[in-house]
């Protein structure tokens, strides 16, 4: 009878440990939030670079026009 109890205890502990591993996505949510923030920052940086590049190109175009005149 004690062997059966030990087997049942082992099965229950295995089940509980697998349940605990399924509750870890809370940490994954935090990681996902961090990744989303990083993605947003990268997107903002890309937009800034795009605007600055456009402004630089316009300035260069203006300079080229002045040189040609």
PDB file of N, CA and C in Angstrom:
ATOM      1  N   UNK A   1       0.829  -1.188   0.000  1.00  0.00           N
ATOM      2  CA  UNK A   1       0.000   0.000   0.000  1.00  0.00           C
ATOM      3  C   UNK A   1       0.877   1.257   0.000  1.00  0.00           C
ATOM      4  N   UNK A   2       1.994   1.247   0.674  1.00  0.00           N
ATOM      5  CA  UNK A   2       2.849   2.429   0.734  1.00  0.00           C
ATOM      6  C   UNK A   2       3.482   2.704  -0.630  1.00  0.00           C
ATOM      7  N   UNK A   3       3.729   1.635  -1.424  1.00  0.00           N
ATOM      8  CA  UNK A   3       4.268   1.840  -2.773  1.00  0.00           C
ATOM      9  C   UNK A   3       3.251   2.563  -3.645  1.00  0.00           C
ATOM     10  N   UNK A   4       1.997   2.182  -3.514  1.00  0.00           N
ATOM     11  CA  UNK A   4       0.931   2.843  -4.267  1.00  0.00           C
ATOM     12  C   UNK A   4       0.819   4.308  -3.851  1.00  0.00           C
ATOM     13  N   UNK A   5       0.959   4.595  -2.576  1.00  0.00           N
ATOM     14  CA  UNK A   5       0.915   5.963  -2.078  1.00  0.00           C
ATOM     15  C   UNK A   5       2.081   6.772  -2.641  1.00  0.00           C
ATOM     16  N   UNK A   6       3.272   6.175  -2.668  1.00  0.00           N
ATOM     17  CA  UNK A   6       4.442   6.863  -3.203  1.00  0.00           C
ATOM     18  C   UNK A   6       4.281   7.153  -4.699  1.00  0.00           C
ATOM     19  N   UNK A   7       3.713   6.218  -5.430  1.00  0.00           N
ATOM     20  CA  UNK A   7       3.479   6.414  -6.864  1.00  0.00           C
ATOM     21  C   UNK A   7       2.463   7.534  -7.071  1.00  0.00           C
ATOM     22  N   UNK A   8       1.391   7.524  -6.270  1.00  0.00           N
ATOM     23  CA  UNK A   8       0.374   8.582  -6.375  1.00  0.00           C
ATOM     24  C   UNK A   8       0.987   9.934  -6.024  1.00  0.00           C
ATOM     25  N   UNK A   9       1.839   9.957  -4.993  1.00  0.00           N
ATOM     26  CA  UNK A   9       2.507  11.192  -4.602  1.00  0.00           C
ATOM     27  C   UNK A   9       3.423  11.692  -5.720  1.00  0.00           C
ATOM     28  N   UNK A  10       4.145  10.784  -6.366  1.00  0.00           N
ATOM     29  CA  UNK A  10       5.027  11.164  -7.467  1.00  0.00           C
ATOM     30  C   UNK A  10       4.223  11.722  -8.634  1.00  0.00           C
ATOM     31  N   UNK A  11       3.110  11.090  -8.947  1.00  0.00           N
ATOM     32  CA  UNK A  11       2.261  11.561 -10.048  1.00  0.00           C
ATOM     33  C   UNK A  11       1.706  12.946  -9.724  1.00  0.00           C
ATOM     34  N   UNK A  12       1.255  13.141  -8.494  1.00  0.00           N
ATOM     35  CA  UNK A  12       0.711  14.446  -8.100  1.00  0.00           C
ATOM     36  C   UNK A  12       1.782  15.524  -8.143  1.00  0.00           C
ATOM     37  N   UNK A  13       2.983  15.195  -7.661  1.00  0.00           N
ATOM     38  CA  UNK A  13       4.046  16.208  -7.680  1.00  0.00           C
ATOM     39  C   UNK A  13       4.448  16.545  -9.114  1.00  0.00           C
ATOM     40  N   UNK A  14       4.465  15.520  -9.989  1.00  0.00           N
ATOM     41  CA  UNK A  14       4.771  15.789 -11.390  1.00  0.00           C
ATOM     42  C   UNK A  14       3.694  16.680 -12.007  1.00  0.00           C
ATOM     43  N   UNK A  15       2.435  16.402 -11.706  1.00  0.00           N
ATOM     44  CA  UNK A  15       1.332  17.201 -12.218  1.00  0.00           C
ATOM     45  C   UNK A  15       1.432  18.647 -11.739  1.00  0.00           C
ATOM     46  N   UNK A  16       1.716  18.812 -10.437  1.00  0.00           N
ATOM     47  CA  UNK A  16       1.830  20.166  -9.895  1.00  0.00           C
ATOM     48  C   UNK A  16       3.011  20.915 -10.493  1.00  0.00           C
ATOM     49  N   UNK A  17       4.120  20.224 -10.714  1.00  0.00           N
ATOM     50  CA  UNK A  17       5.272  20.905 -11.313  1.00  0.00           C
ATOM     51  C   UNK A  17       4.978  21.311 -12.753  1.00  0.00           C
ATOM     52  N   UNK A  18       4.202  20.508 -13.474  1.00  0.00           N
ATOM     53  CA  UNK A  18       3.845  20.890 -14.840  1.00  0.00           C
ATOM     54  C   UNK A  18       2.854  22.056 -14.824  1.00  0.00           C
ATOM     55  N   UNK A  19       2.005  22.130 -13.801  1.00  0.00           N
ATOM     56  CA  UNK A  19       1.095  23.268 -13.670  1.00  0.00           C
ATOM     57  C   UNK A  19       1.886  24.542 -13.378  1.00  0.00           C
ATOM     58  N   UNK A  20       2.894  24.434 -12.546  1.00  0.00           N
ATOM     59  CA  UNK A  20       3.720  25.600 -12.221  1.00  0.00           C
ATOM     60  C   UNK A  20       4.451  26.104 -13.451  1.00  0.00           C
ATOM     61  N   UNK A  21       4.892  25.207 -14.309  1.00  0.00           N
ATOM     62  CA  UNK A  21       5.606  25.647 -15.507  1.00  0.00           C
ATOM     63  C   UNK A  21       4.655  26.314 -16.495  1.00  0.00           C
ATOM     64  N   UNK A  22       3.371  26.015 -16.382  1.00  0.00           N
ATOM     65  CA  UNK A  22       2.407  26.650 -17.280  1.00  0.00           C
ATOM     66  C   UNK A  22       2.023  28.053 -16.819  1.00  0.00           C
ATOM     67  N   UNK A  23       2.329  28.395 -15.575  1.00  0.00           N
ATOM     68  CA  UNK A  23       1.987  29.723 -15.087  1.00  0.00           C
ATOM     69  C   UNK A  23       3.108  30.724 -15.331  1.00  0.00           C
ATOM     70  N   UNK A  24       4.210  30.320 -15.958  1.00  0.00           N
ATOM     71  CA  UNK A  24       5.329  31.199 -16.218  1.00  0.00           C
ATOM     72  C   UNK A  24       5.074  32.254 -17.287  1.00  0.00           C
ATOM     73  N   UNK A  25       4.090  32.122 -18.165  1.00  0.00           N
ATOM     74  CA  UNK A  25       3.898  33.164 -19.165  1.00  0.00           C
ATOM     75  C   UNK A  25       3.697  34.564 -18.606  1.00  0.00           C
ATOM     76  N   UNK A  26       3.475  34.701 -17.318  1.00  0.00           N
ATOM     77  CA  UNK A  26       3.406  36.035 -16.726  1.00  0.00           C
ATOM     78  C   UNK A  26       4.734  36.745 -16.961  1.00  0.00           C
ATOM     79  N   UNK A  27       5.833  36.010 -16.786  1.00  0.00           N
ATOM     80  CA  UNK A  27       7.146  36.568 -17.076  1.00  0.00           C
ATOM     81  C   UNK A  27       7.284  36.838 -18.567  1.00  0.00           C
ATOM     82  N   UNK A  28       6.735  35.939 -19.379  1.00  0.00           N
ATOM     83  CA  UNK A  28       6.792  36.130 -20.821  1.00  0.00           C
ATOM     84  C   UNK A  28       6.048  37.397 -21.217  1.00  0.00           C
ATOM     85  N   UNK A  29       4.949  37.709 -20.523  1.00  0.00           N
ATOM     86  CA  UNK A  29       4.215  38.941 -20.813  1.00  0.00           C
ATOM     87  C   UNK A  29       5.099  40.146 -20.552  1.00  0.00           C
ATOM     88  N   UNK A  30       5.861  40.082 -19.465  1.00  0.00           N
ATOM     89  CA  UNK A  30       6.772  41.178 -19.158  1.00  0.00           C
ATOM     90  C   UNK A  30       7.816  41.298 -20.258  1.00  0.00           C
ATOM     91  N   UNK A  31       8.340  40.155 -20.686  1.00  0.00           N
ATOM     92  CA  UNK A  31       9.324  40.165 -21.769  1.00  0.00           C
ATOM     93  C   UNK A  31       8.692  40.686 -23.059  1.00  0.00           C
ATOM     94  N   UNK A  32       7.457  40.293 -23.312  1.00  0.00           N
ATOM     95  CA  UNK A  32       6.776  40.773 -24.513  1.00  0.00           C
ATOM     96  C   UNK A  32       6.566  42.285 -24.441  1.00  0.00           C
ATOM     97  N   UNK A  33       6.216  42.781 -23.261  1.00  0.00           N
ATOM     98  CA  UNK A  33       6.042  44.234 -23.102  1.00  0.00           C
ATOM     99  C   UNK A  33       7.361  44.956 -23.357  1.00  0.00           C
ATOM    100  N   UNK A  34       8.451  44.384 -22.855  1.00  0.00           N
ATOM    101  CA  UNK A  34       9.762  44.986 -23.085  1.00  0.00           C
ATOM    102  C   UNK A  34      10.104  44.968 -24.567  1.00  0.00           C
ATOM    103  N   UNK A  35       9.805  43.851 -25.233  1.00  0.00           N
ATOM    104  CA  UNK A  35      10.080  43.761 -26.665  1.00  0.00           C
ATOM    105  C   UNK A  35       9.233  44.757 -27.455  1.00  0.00           C
ATOM    106  N   UNK A  36       7.985  44.935 -27.037  1.00  0.00           N
ATOM    107  CA  UNK A  36       7.120  45.899 -27.710  1.00  0.00           C
ATOM    108  C   UNK A  36       7.656  47.321 -27.535  1.00  0.00           C
ATOM    109  N   UNK A  37       8.154  47.633 -26.324  1.00  0.00           N
ATOM    110  CA  UNK A  37       8.727  48.958 -26.089  1.00  0.00           C
ATOM    111  C   UNK A  37       9.968  49.164 -26.957  1.00  0.00           C
ATOM    112  N   UNK A  38      10.796  48.144 -27.037  1.00  0.00           N
ATOM    113  CA  UNK A  38      11.999  48.237 -27.871  1.00  0.00           C
ATOM    114  C   UNK A  38      11.611  48.422 -29.335  1.00  0.00           C
ATOM    115  N   UNK A  39      10.600  47.675 -29.780  1.00  0.00           N
ATOM    116  CA  UNK A  39      10.144  47.799 -31.158  1.00  0.00           C
ATOM    117  C   UNK A  39       9.613  49.204 -31.425  1.00  0.00           C
ATOM    118  N   UNK A  40       8.885  49.768 -30.472  1.00  0.00           N
ATOM    119  CA  UNK A  40       8.355  51.129 -30.618  1.00  0.00           C
ATOM    120  C   UNK A  40       9.495  52.147 -30.687  1.00  0.00           C
ATOM    121  N   UNK A  41      10.501  51.959 -29.830  1.00  0.00           N
ATOM    122  CA  UNK A  41      11.652  52.863 -29.852  1.00  0.00           C
ATOM    123  C   UNK A  41      12.393  52.769 -31.184  1.00  0.00           C
ATOM    124  N   UNK A  42      12.548  51.552 -31.682  1.00  0.00           N
ATOM    125  CA  UNK A  42      13.210  51.380 -32.977  1.00  0.00           C
ATOM    126  C   UNK A  42      12.408  52.018 -34.098  1.00  0.00           C
ATOM    127  N   UNK A  43      11.103  51.890 -34.017  1.00  0.00           N
ATOM    128  CA  UNK A  43      10.242  52.508 -35.019  1.00  0.00           C
ATOM    129  C   UNK A  43      10.365  54.025 -34.975  1.00  0.00           C
ATOM    130  N   UNK A  44      10.382  54.587 -33.765  1.00  0.00           N
ATOM    131  CA  UNK A  44      10.548  56.031 -33.619  1.00  0.00           C
ATOM    132  C   UNK A  44      11.905  56.481 -34.142  1.00  0.00           C
ATOM    133  N   UNK A  45      12.931  55.697 -33.862  1.00  0.00           N
ATOM    134  CA  UNK A  45      14.271  56.021 -34.347  1.00  0.00           C
ATOM    135  C   UNK A  45      14.309  55.985 -35.871  1.00  0.00           C
ATOM    136  N   UNK A  46      13.660  54.980 -36.451  1.00  0.00           N
ATOM    137  CA  UNK A  46      13.624  54.877 -37.907  1.00  0.00           C
ATOM    138  C   UNK A  46      12.902  56.079 -38.515  1.00  0.00           C
ATOM    139  N   UNK A  47      11.825  56.511 -37.889  1.00  0.00           N
ATOM    140  CA  UNK A  47      11.096  57.680 -38.387  1.00  0.00           C
ATOM    141  C   UNK A  47      11.959  58.931 -38.300  1.00  0.00           C
ATOM    142  N   UNK A  48      12.674  59.070 -37.197  1.00  0.00           N
ATOM    143  CA  UNK A  48      13.558  60.227 -37.029  1.00  0.00           C
ATOM    144  C   UNK A  48      14.647  60.227 -38.091  1.00  0.00           C
ATOM    145  N   UNK A  49      15.249  59.086 -38.316  1.00  0.00           N
ATOM    146  CA  UNK A  49      16.298  58.975 -39.337  1.00  0.00           C
ATOM    147  C   UNK A  49      15.736  59.308 -40.709  1.00  0.00           C
ATOM    148  N   UNK A  50      14.538  58.825 -40.974  1.00  0.00           N
ATOM    149  CA  UNK A  50      13.892  59.095 -42.262  1.00  0.00           C
ATOM    150  C   UNK A  50      13.656  60.597 -42.456  1.00  0.00           C
ATOM    151  N   UNK A  51      13.161  61.278 -41.412  1.00  0.00           N
ATOM    152  CA  UNK A  51      12.915  62.724 -41.494  1.00  0.00           C
ATOM    153  C   UNK A  51      14.217  63.484 -41.700  1.00  0.00           C
ATOM    154  N   UNK A  52      15.240  63.114 -40.926  1.00  0.00           N
ATOM    155  CA  UNK A  52      16.516  63.813 -41.032  1.00  0.00           C
ATOM    156  C   UNK A  52      17.155  63.588 -42.397  1.00  0.00           C
ATOM    157  N   UNK A  53      17.028  62.390 -42.930  1.00  0.00           N
ATOM    158  CA  UNK A  53      17.568  62.098 -44.250  1.00  0.00           C
ATOM    159  C   UNK A  53      16.855  62.936 -45.311  1.00  0.00           C
ATOM    160  N   UNK A  54      15.540  63.043 -45.173  1.00  0.00           N
ATOM    161  CA  UNK A  54      14.764  63.857 -46.112  1.00  0.00           C
ATOM    162  C   UNK A  54      15.214  65.312 -46.055  1.00  0.00           C
ATOM    163  N   UNK A  55      15.380  65.837 -44.825  1.00  0.00           N
ATOM    164  CA  UNK A  55      15.827  67.224 -44.670  1.00  0.00           C
ATOM    165  C   UNK A  55      17.229  67.421 -45.261  1.00  0.00           C
ATOM    166  N   UNK A  56      18.110  66.474 -45.043  1.00  0.00           N
ATOM    167  CA  UNK A  56      19.464  66.576 -45.589  1.00  0.00           C
ATOM    168  C   UNK A  56      19.443  66.545 -47.116  1.00  0.00           C
ATOM    169  N   UNK A  57      18.608  65.685 -47.669  1.00  0.00           N
ATOM    170  CA  UNK A  57      18.501  65.611 -49.126  1.00  0.00           C
ATOM    171  C   UNK A  57      17.971  66.925 -49.698  1.00  0.00           C
ATOM    172  N   UNK A  58      16.997  67.514 -49.013  1.00  0.00           N
ATOM    173  CA  UNK A  58      16.463  68.799 -49.470  1.00  0.00           C
ATOM    174  C   UNK A  58      17.537  69.883 -49.409  1.00  0.00           C
ATOM    175  N   UNK A  59      18.331  69.873 -48.331  1.00  0.00           N
ATOM    176  CA  UNK A  59      19.413  70.853 -48.201  1.00  0.00           C
ATOM    177  C   UNK A  59      20.445  70.657 -49.302  1.00  0.00           C
ATOM    178  N   UNK A  60      20.770  69.410 -49.588  1.00  0.00           N
ATOM    179  CA  UNK A  60      21.729  69.129 -50.661  1.00  0.00           C
ATOM    180  C   UNK A  60      21.187  69.564 -52.021  1.00  0.00           C
ATOM    181  N   UNK A  61      19.904  69.329 -52.236  1.00  0.00           N
ATOM    182  CA  UNK A  61      19.290  69.765 -53.491  1.00  0.00           C
ATOM    183  C   UNK A  61      19.366  71.282 -53.632  1.00  0.00           C
ATOM    184  N   UNK A  62      19.094  72.000 -52.525  1.00  0.00           N
ATOM    185  CA  UNK A  62      19.182  73.459 -52.538  1.00  0.00           C
ATOM    186  C   UNK A  62      20.614  73.913 -52.845  1.00  0.00           C
ATOM    187  N   UNK A  63      21.582  73.266 -52.236  1.00  0.00           N
ATOM    188  CA  UNK A  63      22.990  73.609 -52.491  1.00  0.00           C
ATOM    189  C   UNK A  63      23.375  73.355 -53.941  1.00  0.00           C
ATOM    190  N   UNK A  64      22.917  72.245 -54.480  1.00  0.00           N
ATOM    191  CA  UNK A  64      23.220  71.938 -55.885  1.00  0.00           C
ATOM    192  C   UNK A  64      22.614  72.982 -56.820  1.00  0.00           C
ATOM    193  N   UNK A  65      21.392  73.424 -56.508  1.00  0.00           N
ATOM    194  CA  UNK A  65      20.771  74.465 -57.325  1.00  0.00           C
ATOM    195  C   UNK A  65      21.568  75.759 -57.267  1.00  0.00           C
ATOM    196  N   UNK A  66      22.041  76.104 -56.052  1.00  0.00           N
ATOM    197  CA  UNK A  66      22.844  77.321 -55.905  1.00  0.00           C
ATOM    198  C   UNK A  66      24.156  77.213 -56.675  1.00  0.00           C
ATOM    199  N   UNK A  67      24.761  76.051 -56.650  1.00  0.00           N
ATOM    200  CA  UNK A  67      26.037  75.845 -57.347  1.00  0.00           C
ATOM    201  C   UNK A  67      25.829  75.952 -58.857  1.00  0.00           C
ATOM    202  N   UNK A  68      24.723  75.388 -59.351  1.00  0.00           N
ATOM    203  CA  UNK A  68      24.453  75.418 -60.782  1.00  0.00           C
ATOM    204  C   UNK A  68      24.177  76.833 -61.274  1.00  0.00           C
ATOM    205  N   UNK A  69      23.664  77.686 -60.422  1.00  0.00           N
ATOM    206  CA  UNK A  69      23.338  79.057 -60.836  1.00  0.00           C
ATOM    207  C   UNK A  69      24.565  79.863 -60.856  1.00  0.00           C
TER     208      UNK A  69
END
